[in-house]
C-alpha cells in the first residue's frame, strides 16, 4: 500500500508526500500520536475550542499551519515525517490537509 498525503495552503500550492507501507510501519499509531502531540506543544500551537476539547484533527491542522508552507515546500525530513504520522494517526492511505480552510479530507 502507498500512503498519499497532500498538504495544501491554497488551490495552486499543494505539497504531496507518498510513502510505502514499509516506511510508515516502522512507527506505531501511538508513537505517531505522541510525535504530533510533542510538535503541537513544542510549536506552542493554539486552538480555541468552545468546548475546551482539542481533537487530533485540530492538532494536525494547527501543526501544519504553525510551521507554515515553507517547511512543506522544502520537502525535508520533517515534512515527510509529518506526512507519515498523519497517515498512521488517521489510519488512512489518502489524506488532504487543507490548511487554508482548516479541514481534512479523505
PDB file of N, CA and C in Angstrom:
ATOM      1  N   UNK A   1       0.842  -1.173   0.000  1.00  0.00           N
ATOM      2  CA  UNK A   1       0.000   0.000   0.000  1.00  0.00           C
ATOM      3  C   UNK A   1       0.890   1.239   0.000  1.00  0.00           C
ATOM      4  N   UNK A   2       0.438   2.251  -0.687  1.00  0.00           N
ATOM      5  CA  UNK A   2       1.128   3.535  -0.701  1.00  0.00           C
ATOM      6  C   UNK A   2       0.254   4.557   0.002  1.00  0.00           C
ATOM      7  N   UNK A   3       0.864   5.298   0.900  1.00  0.00           N
ATOM      8  CA  UNK A   3       0.168   6.373   1.600  1.00  0.00           C
ATOM      9  C   UNK A   3       0.423   7.666   0.845  1.00  0.00           C
ATOM     10  N   UNK A   4      -0.632   8.430   0.643  1.00  0.00           N
ATOM     11  CA  UNK A   4      -0.558   9.663  -0.131  1.00  0.00           C
ATOM     12  C   UNK A   4      -1.143  10.785   0.721  1.00  0.00           C
ATOM     13  N   UNK A   5      -0.285  11.692   1.157  1.00  0.00           N
ATOM     14  CA  UNK A   5      -0.711  12.808   1.991  1.00  0.00           C
ATOM     15  C   UNK A   5      -0.461  14.098   1.216  1.00  0.00           C
ATOM     16  N   UNK A   6      -1.483  14.932   1.131  1.00  0.00           N
ATOM     17  CA  UNK A   6      -1.391  16.219   0.431  1.00  0.00           C
ATOM     18  C   UNK A   6      -1.607  17.310   1.468  1.00  0.00           C
ATOM     19  N   UNK A   7      -0.652  18.227   1.542  1.00  0.00           N
ATOM     20  CA  UNK A   7      -0.779  19.372   2.441  1.00  0.00           C
ATOM     21  C   UNK A   7      -0.942  20.590   1.541  1.00  0.00           C
ATOM     22  N   UNK A   8      -2.102  21.227   1.648  1.00  0.00           N
ATOM     23  CA  UNK A   8      -2.460  22.323   0.748  1.00  0.00           C
ATOM     24  C   UNK A   8      -2.592  23.640   1.522  1.00  0.00           C
ATOM     25  N   UNK A   9      -1.954  24.680   0.959  1.00  0.00           N
ATOM     26  CA  UNK A   9      -2.045  26.009   1.550  1.00  0.00           C
ATOM     27  C   UNK A   9      -2.892  26.947   0.692  1.00  0.00           C
ATOM     28  N   UNK A  10      -3.179  26.556  -0.524  1.00  0.00           N
ATOM     29  CA  UNK A  10      -4.057  27.285  -1.447  1.00  0.00           C
ATOM     30  C   UNK A  10      -4.291  26.357  -2.638  1.00  0.00           C
ATOM     31  N   UNK A  11      -5.187  26.762  -3.498  1.00  0.00           N
ATOM     32  CA  UNK A  11      -5.560  25.905  -4.623  1.00  0.00           C
ATOM     33  C   UNK A  11      -4.345  25.469  -5.445  1.00  0.00           C
ATOM     34  N   UNK A  12      -3.446  26.362  -5.706  1.00  0.00           N
ATOM     35  CA  UNK A  12      -2.288  26.065  -6.544  1.00  0.00           C
ATOM     36  C   UNK A  12      -1.002  25.839  -5.741  1.00  0.00           C
ATOM     37  N   UNK A  13      -1.137  25.649  -4.430  1.00  0.00           N
ATOM     38  CA  UNK A  13       0.047  25.446  -3.580  1.00  0.00           C
ATOM     39  C   UNK A  13      -0.170  24.232  -2.670  1.00  0.00           C
ATOM     40  N   UNK A  14      -0.030  23.054  -3.281  1.00  0.00           N
ATOM     41  CA  UNK A  14      -0.214  21.798  -2.558  1.00  0.00           C
ATOM     42  C   UNK A  14       1.076  20.985  -2.646  1.00  0.00           C
ATOM     43  N   UNK A  15       1.387  20.302  -1.582  1.00  0.00           N
ATOM     44  CA  UNK A  15       2.615  19.520  -1.495  1.00  0.00           C
ATOM     45  C   UNK A  15       2.237  18.074  -1.211  1.00  0.00           C
ATOM     46  N   UNK A  16       2.726  17.171  -2.054  1.00  0.00           N
ATOM     47  CA  UNK A  16       2.341  15.773  -1.969  1.00  0.00           C
ATOM     48  C   UNK A  16       3.492  14.941  -1.419  1.00  0.00           C
ATOM     49  N   UNK A  17       3.118  14.028  -0.530  1.00  0.00           N
ATOM     50  CA  UNK A  17       4.090  13.130   0.085  1.00  0.00           C
ATOM     51  C   UNK A  17       3.553  11.714  -0.048  1.00  0.00           C
ATOM     52  N   UNK A  18       4.371  10.846  -0.637  1.00  0.00           N
ATOM     53  CA  UNK A  18       3.982   9.446  -0.795  1.00  0.00           C
ATOM     54  C   UNK A  18       4.967   8.588  -0.019  1.00  0.00           C
ATOM     55  N   UNK A  19       4.422   7.617   0.697  1.00  0.00           N
ATOM     56  CA  UNK A  19       5.245   6.695   1.476  1.00  0.00           C
ATOM     57  C   UNK A  19       4.739   5.281   1.266  1.00  0.00           C
ATOM     58  N   UNK A  20       5.652   4.356   1.111  1.00  0.00           N
ATOM     59  CA  UNK A  20       5.285   2.945   1.037  1.00  0.00           C
ATOM     60  C   UNK A  20       4.928   2.460   2.436  1.00  0.00           C
ATOM     61  N   UNK A  21       4.139   1.429   2.508  1.00  0.00           N
ATOM     62  CA  UNK A  21       3.706   0.929   3.818  1.00  0.00           C
ATOM     63  C   UNK A  21       4.895   0.534   4.684  1.00  0.00           C
ATOM     64  N   UNK A  22       5.980   0.090   4.087  1.00  0.00           N
ATOM     65  CA  UNK A  22       7.168  -0.261   4.850  1.00  0.00           C
ATOM     66  C   UNK A  22       7.787   0.927   5.560  1.00  0.00           C
ATOM     67  N   UNK A  23       7.717   2.102   4.941  1.00  0.00           N
ATOM     68  CA  UNK A  23       8.239   3.321   5.568  1.00  0.00           C
ATOM     69  C   UNK A  23       7.362   3.754   6.741  1.00  0.00           C
ATOM     70  N   UNK A  24       6.070   3.567   6.604  1.00  0.00           N
ATOM     71  CA  UNK A  24       5.117   4.007   7.620  1.00  0.00           C
ATOM     72  C   UNK A  24       5.062   3.024   8.787  1.00  0.00           C
ATOM     73  N   UNK A  25       5.210   1.740   8.507  1.00  0.00           N
ATOM     74  CA  UNK A  25       5.022   0.729   9.544  1.00  0.00           C
ATOM     75  C   UNK A  25       6.163   0.655  10.564  1.00  0.00           C
ATOM     76  N   UNK A  26       7.220   1.446  10.387  1.00  0.00           N
ATOM     77  CA  UNK A  26       8.300   1.444  11.382  1.00  0.00           C
ATOM     78  C   UNK A  26       7.877   2.162  12.660  1.00  0.00           C
ATOM     79  N   UNK A  27       6.761   2.855  12.609  1.00  0.00           N
ATOM     80  CA  UNK A  27       6.214   3.581  13.756  1.00  0.00           C
ATOM     81  C   UNK A  27       4.818   3.046  14.052  1.00  0.00           C
ATOM     82  N   UNK A  28       4.444   3.033  15.313  1.00  0.00           N
ATOM     83  CA  UNK A  28       3.092   2.618  15.678  1.00  0.00           C
ATOM     84  C   UNK A  28       2.168   3.830  15.653  1.00  0.00           C
ATOM     85  N   UNK A  29       0.872   3.566  15.673  1.00  0.00           N
ATOM     86  CA  UNK A  29      -0.095   4.653  15.707  1.00  0.00           C
ATOM     87  C   UNK A  29       0.082   5.490  16.975  1.00  0.00           C
ATOM     88  N   UNK A  30       0.363   4.844  18.082  1.00  0.00           N
ATOM     89  CA  UNK A  30       0.568   5.566  19.345  1.00  0.00           C
ATOM     90  C   UNK A  30       1.804   6.455  19.279  1.00  0.00           C
ATOM     91  N   UNK A  31       2.881   5.962  18.681  1.00  0.00           N
ATOM     92  CA  UNK A  31       4.098   6.772  18.525  1.00  0.00           C
ATOM     93  C   UNK A  31       3.839   7.970  17.610  1.00  0.00           C
ATOM     94  N   UNK A  32       3.040   7.759  16.577  1.00  0.00           N
ATOM     95  CA  UNK A  32       2.696   8.853  15.666  1.00  0.00           C
ATOM     96  C   UNK A  32       1.912   9.932  16.403  1.00  0.00           C
ATOM     97  N   UNK A  33       0.967   9.516  17.229  1.00  0.00           N
ATOM     98  CA  UNK A  33       0.182  10.482  18.016  1.00  0.00           C
ATOM     99  C   UNK A  33       1.070  11.243  19.000  1.00  0.00           C
ATOM    100  N   UNK A  34       2.009  10.528  19.633  1.00  0.00           N
ATOM    101  CA  UNK A  34       2.921  11.201  20.568  1.00  0.00           C
ATOM    102  C   UNK A  34       3.798  12.222  19.853  1.00  0.00           C
ATOM    103  N   UNK A  35       4.259  11.879  18.648  1.00  0.00           N
ATOM    104  CA  UNK A  35       5.070  12.806  17.861  1.00  0.00           C
ATOM    105  C   UNK A  35       4.267  14.073  17.572  1.00  0.00           C
ATOM    106  N   UNK A  36       3.020  13.899  17.138  1.00  0.00           N
ATOM    107  CA  UNK A  36       2.168  15.050  16.832  1.00  0.00           C
ATOM    108  C   UNK A  36       1.867  15.867  18.091  1.00  0.00           C
ATOM    109  N   UNK A  37       1.631  15.202  19.203  1.00  0.00           N
ATOM    110  CA  UNK A  37       1.403  15.910  20.470  1.00  0.00           C
ATOM    111  C   UNK A  37       2.631  16.739  20.841  1.00  0.00           C
ATOM    112  N   UNK A  38       3.809  16.147  20.674  1.00  0.00           N
ATOM    113  CA  UNK A  38       5.050  16.857  21.008  1.00  0.00           C
ATOM    114  C   UNK A  38       5.247  18.065  20.087  1.00  0.00           C
ATOM    115  N   UNK A  39       5.035  17.877  18.797  1.00  0.00           N
ATOM    116  CA  UNK A  39       5.177  19.003  17.859  1.00  0.00           C
ATOM    117  C   UNK A  39       4.180  20.104  18.203  1.00  0.00           C
ATOM    118  N   UNK A  40       2.962  19.722  18.510  1.00  0.00           N
ATOM    119  CA  UNK A  40       1.920  20.677  18.878  1.00  0.00           C
ATOM    120  C   UNK A  40       2.370  21.503  20.089  1.00  0.00           C
ATOM    121  N   UNK A  41       2.919  20.837  21.097  1.00  0.00           N
ATOM    122  CA  UNK A  41       3.371  21.517  22.312  1.00  0.00           C
ATOM    123  C   UNK A  41       4.633  22.343  22.047  1.00  0.00           C
ATOM    124  N   UNK A  42       5.618  21.758  21.356  1.00  0.00           N
ATOM    125  CA  UNK A  42       6.872  22.463  21.080  1.00  0.00           C
ATOM    126  C   UNK A  42       6.655  23.728  20.249  1.00  0.00           C
ATOM    127  N   UNK A  43       5.711  23.668  19.324  1.00  0.00           N
ATOM    128  CA  UNK A  43       5.422  24.815  18.457  1.00  0.00           C
ATOM    129  C   UNK A  43       4.493  25.831  19.121  1.00  0.00           C
ATOM    130  N   UNK A  44       4.017  25.473  20.314  1.00  0.00           N
ATOM    131  CA  UNK A  44       3.098  26.337  21.059  1.00  0.00           C
ATOM    132  C   UNK A  44       1.854  26.687  20.231  1.00  0.00           C
ATOM    133  N   UNK A  45       1.319  25.651  19.587  1.00  0.00           N
ATOM    134  CA  UNK A  45       0.112  25.825  18.775  1.00  0.00           C
ATOM    135  C   UNK A  45      -1.055  26.191  19.687  1.00  0.00           C
ATOM    136  N   UNK A  46      -1.919  27.006  19.159  1.00  0.00           N
ATOM    137  CA  UNK A  46      -3.102  27.398  19.922  1.00  0.00           C
ATOM    138  C   UNK A  46      -4.358  27.068  19.128  1.00  0.00           C
ATOM    139  N   UNK A  47      -5.328  26.547  19.843  1.00  0.00           N
ATOM    140  CA  UNK A  47      -6.631  26.253  19.253  1.00  0.00           C
ATOM    141  C   UNK A  47      -7.672  26.783  20.218  1.00  0.00           C
ATOM    142  N   UNK A  48      -8.582  27.550  19.697  1.00  0.00           N
ATOM    143  CA  UNK A  48      -9.675  27.999  20.542  1.00  0.00           C
ATOM    144  C   UNK A  48     -10.871  27.106  20.265  1.00  0.00           C
ATOM    145  N   UNK A  49     -11.275  26.398  21.274  1.00  0.00           N
ATOM    146  CA  UNK A  49     -12.402  25.488  21.154  1.00  0.00           C
ATOM    147  C   UNK A  49     -13.433  25.873  22.206  1.00  0.00           C
ATOM    148  N   UNK A  50     -14.668  26.074  21.794  1.00  0.00           N
ATOM    149  CA  UNK A  50     -15.685  26.448  22.771  1.00  0.00           C
ATOM    150  C   UNK A  50     -15.926  25.372  23.837  1.00  0.00           C
ATOM    151  N   UNK A  51     -15.627  24.123  23.503  1.00  0.00           N
ATOM    152  CA  UNK A  51     -15.833  23.043  24.471  1.00  0.00           C
ATOM    153  C   UNK A  51     -14.588  22.755  25.293  1.00  0.00           C
ATOM    154  N   UNK A  52     -13.445  23.300  24.860  1.00  0.00           N
ATOM    155  CA  UNK A  52     -12.200  23.051  25.571  1.00  0.00           C
ATOM    156  C   UNK A  52     -11.501  21.784  25.116  1.00  0.00           C
ATOM    157  N   UNK A  53     -12.153  21.006  24.262  1.00  0.00           N
ATOM    158  CA  UNK A  53     -11.541  19.777  23.746  1.00  0.00           C
ATOM    159  C   UNK A  53     -10.690  20.093  22.527  1.00  0.00           C
ATOM    160  N   UNK A  54      -9.564  19.415  22.446  1.00  0.00           N
ATOM    161  CA  UNK A  54      -8.720  19.534  21.263  1.00  0.00           C
ATOM    162  C   UNK A  54      -8.636  18.150  20.632  1.00  0.00           C
ATOM    163  N   UNK A  55      -9.170  18.025  19.440  1.00  0.00           N
ATOM    164  CA  UNK A  55      -9.170  16.752  18.725  1.00  0.00           C
ATOM    165  C   UNK A  55      -7.860  16.575  17.976  1.00  0.00           C
ATOM    166  N   UNK A  56      -7.528  15.338  17.663  1.00  0.00           N
ATOM    167  CA  UNK A  56      -6.292  15.066  16.930  1.00  0.00           C
ATOM    168  C   UNK A  56      -6.307  15.770  15.576  1.00  0.00           C
ATOM    169  N   UNK A  57      -7.463  15.882  14.965  1.00  0.00           N
ATOM    170  CA  UNK A  57      -7.571  16.591  13.685  1.00  0.00           C
ATOM    171  C   UNK A  57      -7.180  18.058  13.869  1.00  0.00           C
ATOM    172  N   UNK A  58      -7.621  18.660  14.966  1.00  0.00           N
ATOM    173  CA  UNK A  58      -7.238  20.047  15.258  1.00  0.00           C
ATOM    174  C   UNK A  58      -5.726  20.177  15.381  1.00  0.00           C
ATOM    175  N   UNK A  59      -5.105  19.200  16.029  1.00  0.00           N
ATOM    176  CA  UNK A  59      -3.654  19.237  16.202  1.00  0.00           C
ATOM    177  C   UNK A  59      -2.932  19.104  14.865  1.00  0.00           C
ATOM    178  N   UNK A  60      -3.397  18.194  14.013  1.00  0.00           N
ATOM    179  CA  UNK A  60      -2.781  18.021  12.697  1.00  0.00           C
ATOM    180  C   UNK A  60      -2.816  19.313  11.897  1.00  0.00           C
ATOM    181  N   UNK A  61      -3.968  19.963  11.902  1.00  0.00           N
ATOM    182  CA  UNK A  61      -4.119  21.216  11.169  1.00  0.00           C
ATOM    183  C   UNK A  61      -3.296  22.343  11.795  1.00  0.00           C
ATOM    184  N   UNK A  62      -3.304  22.436  13.119  1.00  0.00           N
ATOM    185  CA  UNK A  62      -2.572  23.506  13.806  1.00  0.00           C
ATOM    186  C   UNK A  62      -1.072  23.388  13.598  1.00  0.00           C
ATOM    187  N   UNK A  63      -0.552  22.186  13.627  1.00  0.00           N
ATOM    188  CA  UNK A  63       0.889  21.996  13.411  1.00  0.00           C
ATOM    189  C   UNK A  63       1.260  22.427  12.001  1.00  0.00           C
ATOM    190  N   UNK A  64       0.491  22.018  11.002  1.00  0.00           N
ATOM    191  CA  UNK A  64       0.777  22.406   9.618  1.00  0.00           C
ATOM    192  C   UNK A  64       0.688  23.917   9.446  1.00  0.00           C
ATOM    193  N   UNK A  65      -0.323  24.528  10.028  1.00  0.00           N
ATOM    194  CA  UNK A  65      -0.492  25.980   9.922  1.00  0.00           C
ATOM    195  C   UNK A  65       0.662  26.707  10.601  1.00  0.00           C
ATOM    196  N   UNK A  66       1.057  26.235  11.780  1.00  0.00           N
ATOM    197  CA  UNK A  66       2.091  26.918  12.554  1.00  0.00           C
ATOM    198  C   UNK A  66       3.461  26.838  11.883  1.00  0.00           C
ATOM    199  N   UNK A  67       3.826  25.681  11.343  1.00  0.00           N
ATOM    200  CA  UNK A  67       5.146  25.582  10.704  1.00  0.00           C
ATOM    201  C   UNK A  67       5.165  26.312   9.370  1.00  0.00           C
ATOM    202  N   UNK A  68       4.023  26.411   8.735  1.00  0.00           N
ATOM    203  CA  UNK A  68       3.912  27.185   7.508  1.00  0.00           C
ATOM    204  C   UNK A  68       4.309  26.451   6.242  1.00  0.00           C
ATOM    205  N   UNK A  69       3.982  27.076   5.168  1.00  0.00           N
ATOM    206  CA  UNK A  69       4.177  26.486   3.848  1.00  0.00           C
ATOM    207  C   UNK A  69       5.644  26.228   3.522  1.00  0.00           C
ATOM    208  N   UNK A  70       6.530  27.082   3.959  1.00  0.00           N
ATOM    209  CA  UNK A  70       7.940  26.927   3.582  1.00  0.00           C
ATOM    210  C   UNK A  70       8.509  25.592   4.034  1.00  0.00           C
ATOM    211  N   UNK A  71       8.102  25.113   5.191  1.00  0.00           N
ATOM    212  CA  UNK A  71       8.615  23.828   5.683  1.00  0.00           C
ATOM    213  C   UNK A  71       8.174  22.689   4.767  1.00  0.00           C
ATOM    214  N   UNK A  72       6.975  22.775   4.215  1.00  0.00           N
ATOM    215  CA  UNK A  72       6.489  21.717   3.327  1.00  0.00           C
ATOM    216  C   UNK A  72       7.045  21.862   1.916  1.00  0.00           C
ATOM    217  N   UNK A  73       7.256  23.084   1.472  1.00  0.00           N
ATOM    218  CA  UNK A  73       7.765  23.289   0.117  1.00  0.00           C
ATOM    219  C   UNK A  73       9.198  22.790  -0.033  1.00  0.00           C
ATOM    220  N   UNK A  74       9.920  22.708   1.054  1.00  0.00           N
ATOM    221  CA  UNK A  74      11.300  22.212   1.019  1.00  0.00           C
ATOM    222  C   UNK A  74      11.359  20.692   0.952  1.00  0.00           C
ATOM    223  N   UNK A  75      10.230  20.040   1.221  1.00  0.00           N
ATOM    224  CA  UNK A  75      10.127  18.576   1.213  1.00  0.00           C
ATOM    225  C   UNK A  75      11.274  17.944   2.000  1.00  0.00           C
ATOM    226  N   UNK A  76      11.537  18.473   3.172  1.00  0.00           N
ATOM    227  CA  UNK A  76      12.607  17.966   4.020  1.00  0.00           C
ATOM    228  C   UNK A  76      12.132  16.781   4.860  1.00  0.00           C
ATOM    229  N   UNK A  77      13.010  16.264   5.690  1.00  0.00           N
ATOM    230  CA  UNK A  77      12.669  15.088   6.501  1.00  0.00           C
ATOM    231  C   UNK A  77      11.526  15.383   7.463  1.00  0.00           C
ATOM    232  N   UNK A  78      11.482  16.595   8.022  1.00  0.00           N
ATOM    233  CA  UNK A  78      10.389  16.923   8.943  1.00  0.00           C
ATOM    234  C   UNK A  78       9.037  16.812   8.233  1.00  0.00           C
ATOM    235  N   UNK A  79       8.944  17.359   7.023  1.00  0.00           N
ATOM    236  CA  UNK A  79       7.682  17.317   6.268  1.00  0.00           C
ATOM    237  C   UNK A  79       7.286  15.879   5.938  1.00  0.00           C
ATOM    238  N   UNK A  80       8.253  15.056   5.564  1.00  0.00           N
ATOM    239  CA  UNK A  80       7.959  13.650   5.276  1.00  0.00           C
ATOM    240  C   UNK A  80       7.514  12.927   6.547  1.00  0.00           C
ATOM    241  N   UNK A  81       8.140  13.244   7.665  1.00  0.00           N
ATOM    242  CA  UNK A  81       7.742  12.625   8.937  1.00  0.00           C
ATOM    243  C   UNK A  81       6.332  13.057   9.334  1.00  0.00           C
ATOM    244  N   UNK A  82       6.014  14.330   9.137  1.00  0.00           N
ATOM    245  CA  UNK A  82       4.663  14.817   9.403  1.00  0.00           C
ATOM    246  C   UNK A  82       3.658  13.997   8.583  1.00  0.00           C
ATOM    247  N   UNK A  83       3.924  13.842   7.293  1.00  0.00           N
ATOM    248  CA  UNK A  83       3.016  13.112   6.412  1.00  0.00           C
ATOM    249  C   UNK A  83       2.850  11.657   6.860  1.00  0.00           C
ATOM    250  N   UNK A  84       3.945  11.002   7.202  1.00  0.00           N
ATOM    251  CA  UNK A  84       3.854   9.606   7.669  1.00  0.00           C
ATOM    252  C   UNK A  84       3.028   9.516   8.949  1.00  0.00           C
ATOM    253  N   UNK A  85       3.231  10.461   9.855  1.00  0.00           N
ATOM    254  CA  UNK A  85       2.493  10.434  11.118  1.00  0.00           C
ATOM    255  C   UNK A  85       1.018  10.764  10.929  1.00  0.00           C
ATOM    256  N   UNK A  86       0.689  11.597   9.973  1.00  0.00           N
ATOM    257  CA  UNK A  86      -0.712  11.855   9.644  1.00  0.00           C
ATOM    258  C   UNK A  86      -1.363  10.560   9.153  1.00  0.00           C
ATOM    259  N   UNK A  87      -0.685   9.880   8.232  1.00  0.00           N
ATOM    260  CA  UNK A  87      -1.224   8.623   7.691  1.00  0.00           C
ATOM    261  C   UNK A  87      -1.455   7.605   8.799  1.00  0.00           C
ATOM    262  N   UNK A  88      -0.476   7.450   9.665  1.00  0.00           N
ATOM    263  CA  UNK A  88      -0.597   6.473  10.757  1.00  0.00           C
ATOM    264  C   UNK A  88      -1.658   6.869  11.770  1.00  0.00           C
ATOM    265  N   UNK A  89      -1.663   8.118  12.171  1.00  0.00           N
ATOM    266  CA  UNK A  89      -2.614   8.582  13.177  1.00  0.00           C
ATOM    267  C   UNK A  89      -4.047   8.395  12.713  1.00  0.00           C
ATOM    268  N   UNK A  90      -4.303   8.728  11.462  1.00  0.00           N
ATOM    269  CA  UNK A  90      -5.669   8.647  10.944  1.00  0.00           C
ATOM    270  C   UNK A  90      -6.000   7.273  10.365  1.00  0.00           C
ATOM    271  N   UNK A  91      -4.987   6.461  10.096  1.00  0.00           N
ATOM    272  CA  UNK A  91      -5.222   5.137   9.530  1.00  0.00           C
ATOM    273  C   UNK A  91      -5.792   5.188   8.128  1.00  0.00           C
ATOM    274  N   UNK A  92      -5.404   6.202   7.385  1.00  0.00           N
ATOM    275  CA  UNK A  92      -5.915   6.396   6.016  1.00  0.00           C
ATOM    276  C   UNK A  92      -4.761   6.402   5.030  1.00  0.00           C
ATOM    277  N   UNK A  93      -5.012   5.890   3.829  1.00  0.00           N
ATOM    278  CA  UNK A  93      -3.955   5.892   2.825  1.00  0.00           C
ATOM    279  C   UNK A  93      -3.976   7.153   1.953  1.00  0.00           C
ATOM    280  N   UNK A  94      -5.059   7.912   2.013  1.00  0.00           N
ATOM    281  CA  UNK A  94      -5.136   9.179   1.287  1.00  0.00           C
ATOM    282  C   UNK A  94      -5.747  10.237   2.202  1.00  0.00           C
ATOM    283  N   UNK A  95      -4.989  11.300   2.449  1.00  0.00           N
ATOM    284  CA  UNK A  95      -5.463  12.388   3.310  1.00  0.00           C
ATOM    285  C   UNK A  95      -5.056  13.708   2.674  1.00  0.00           C
ATOM    286  N   UNK A  96      -5.991  14.640   2.665  1.00  0.00           N
ATOM    287  CA  UNK A  96      -5.693  16.005   2.211  1.00  0.00           C
ATOM    288  C   UNK A  96      -5.818  16.919   3.427  1.00  0.00           C
ATOM    289  N   UNK A  97      -4.712  17.555   3.795  1.00  0.00           N
ATOM    290  CA  UNK A  97      -4.677  18.509   4.897  1.00  0.00           C
ATOM    291  C   UNK A  97      -4.825  19.888   4.264  1.00  0.00           C
ATOM    292  N   UNK A  98      -6.004  20.465   4.371  1.00  0.00           N
ATOM    293  CA  UNK A  98      -6.311  21.758   3.758  1.00  0.00           C
ATOM    294  C   UNK A  98      -6.107  22.846   4.813  1.00  0.00           C
ATOM    295  N   UNK A  99      -4.917  23.419   4.819  1.00  0.00           N
ATOM    296  CA  UNK A  99      -4.563  24.410   5.831  1.00  0.00           C
ATOM    297  C   UNK A  99      -5.340  25.705   5.607  1.00  0.00           C
ATOM    298  N   UNK A 100      -5.529  26.078   4.363  1.00  0.00           N
ATOM    299  CA  UNK A 100      -6.244  27.324   4.041  1.00  0.00           C
ATOM    300  C   UNK A 100      -7.650  27.339   4.655  1.00  0.00           C
ATOM    301  N   UNK A 101      -8.364  26.219   4.543  1.00  0.00           N
ATOM    302  CA  UNK A 101      -9.740  26.135   5.048  1.00  0.00           C
ATOM    303  C   UNK A 101      -9.838  25.400   6.380  1.00  0.00           C
ATOM    304  N   UNK A 102      -8.686  24.993   6.921  1.00  0.00           N
ATOM    305  CA  UNK A 102      -8.613  24.291   8.202  1.00  0.00           C
ATOM    306  C   UNK A 102      -9.564  23.084   8.254  1.00  0.00           C
ATOM    307  N   UNK A 103      -9.348  22.158   7.306  1.00  0.00           N
ATOM    308  CA  UNK A 103     -10.137  20.931   7.288  1.00  0.00           C
ATOM    309  C   UNK A 103      -9.331  19.790   6.673  1.00  0.00           C
ATOM    310  N   UNK A 104      -9.748  18.590   6.974  1.00  0.00           N
ATOM    311  CA  UNK A 104      -9.132  17.390   6.422  1.00  0.00           C
ATOM    312  C   UNK A 104     -10.108  16.710   5.489  1.00  0.00           C
ATOM    313  N   UNK A 105      -9.564  16.096   4.460  1.00  0.00           N
ATOM    314  CA  UNK A 105     -10.372  15.307   3.536  1.00  0.00           C
ATOM    315  C   UNK A 105      -9.737  13.949   3.359  1.00  0.00           C
ATOM    316  N   UNK A 106     -10.582  12.961   3.113  1.00  0.00           N
ATOM    317  CA  UNK A 106     -10.098  11.583   2.937  1.00  0.00           C
ATOM    318  C   UNK A 106     -10.434  11.091   1.546  1.00  0.00           C
TER     319      UNK A 106
END
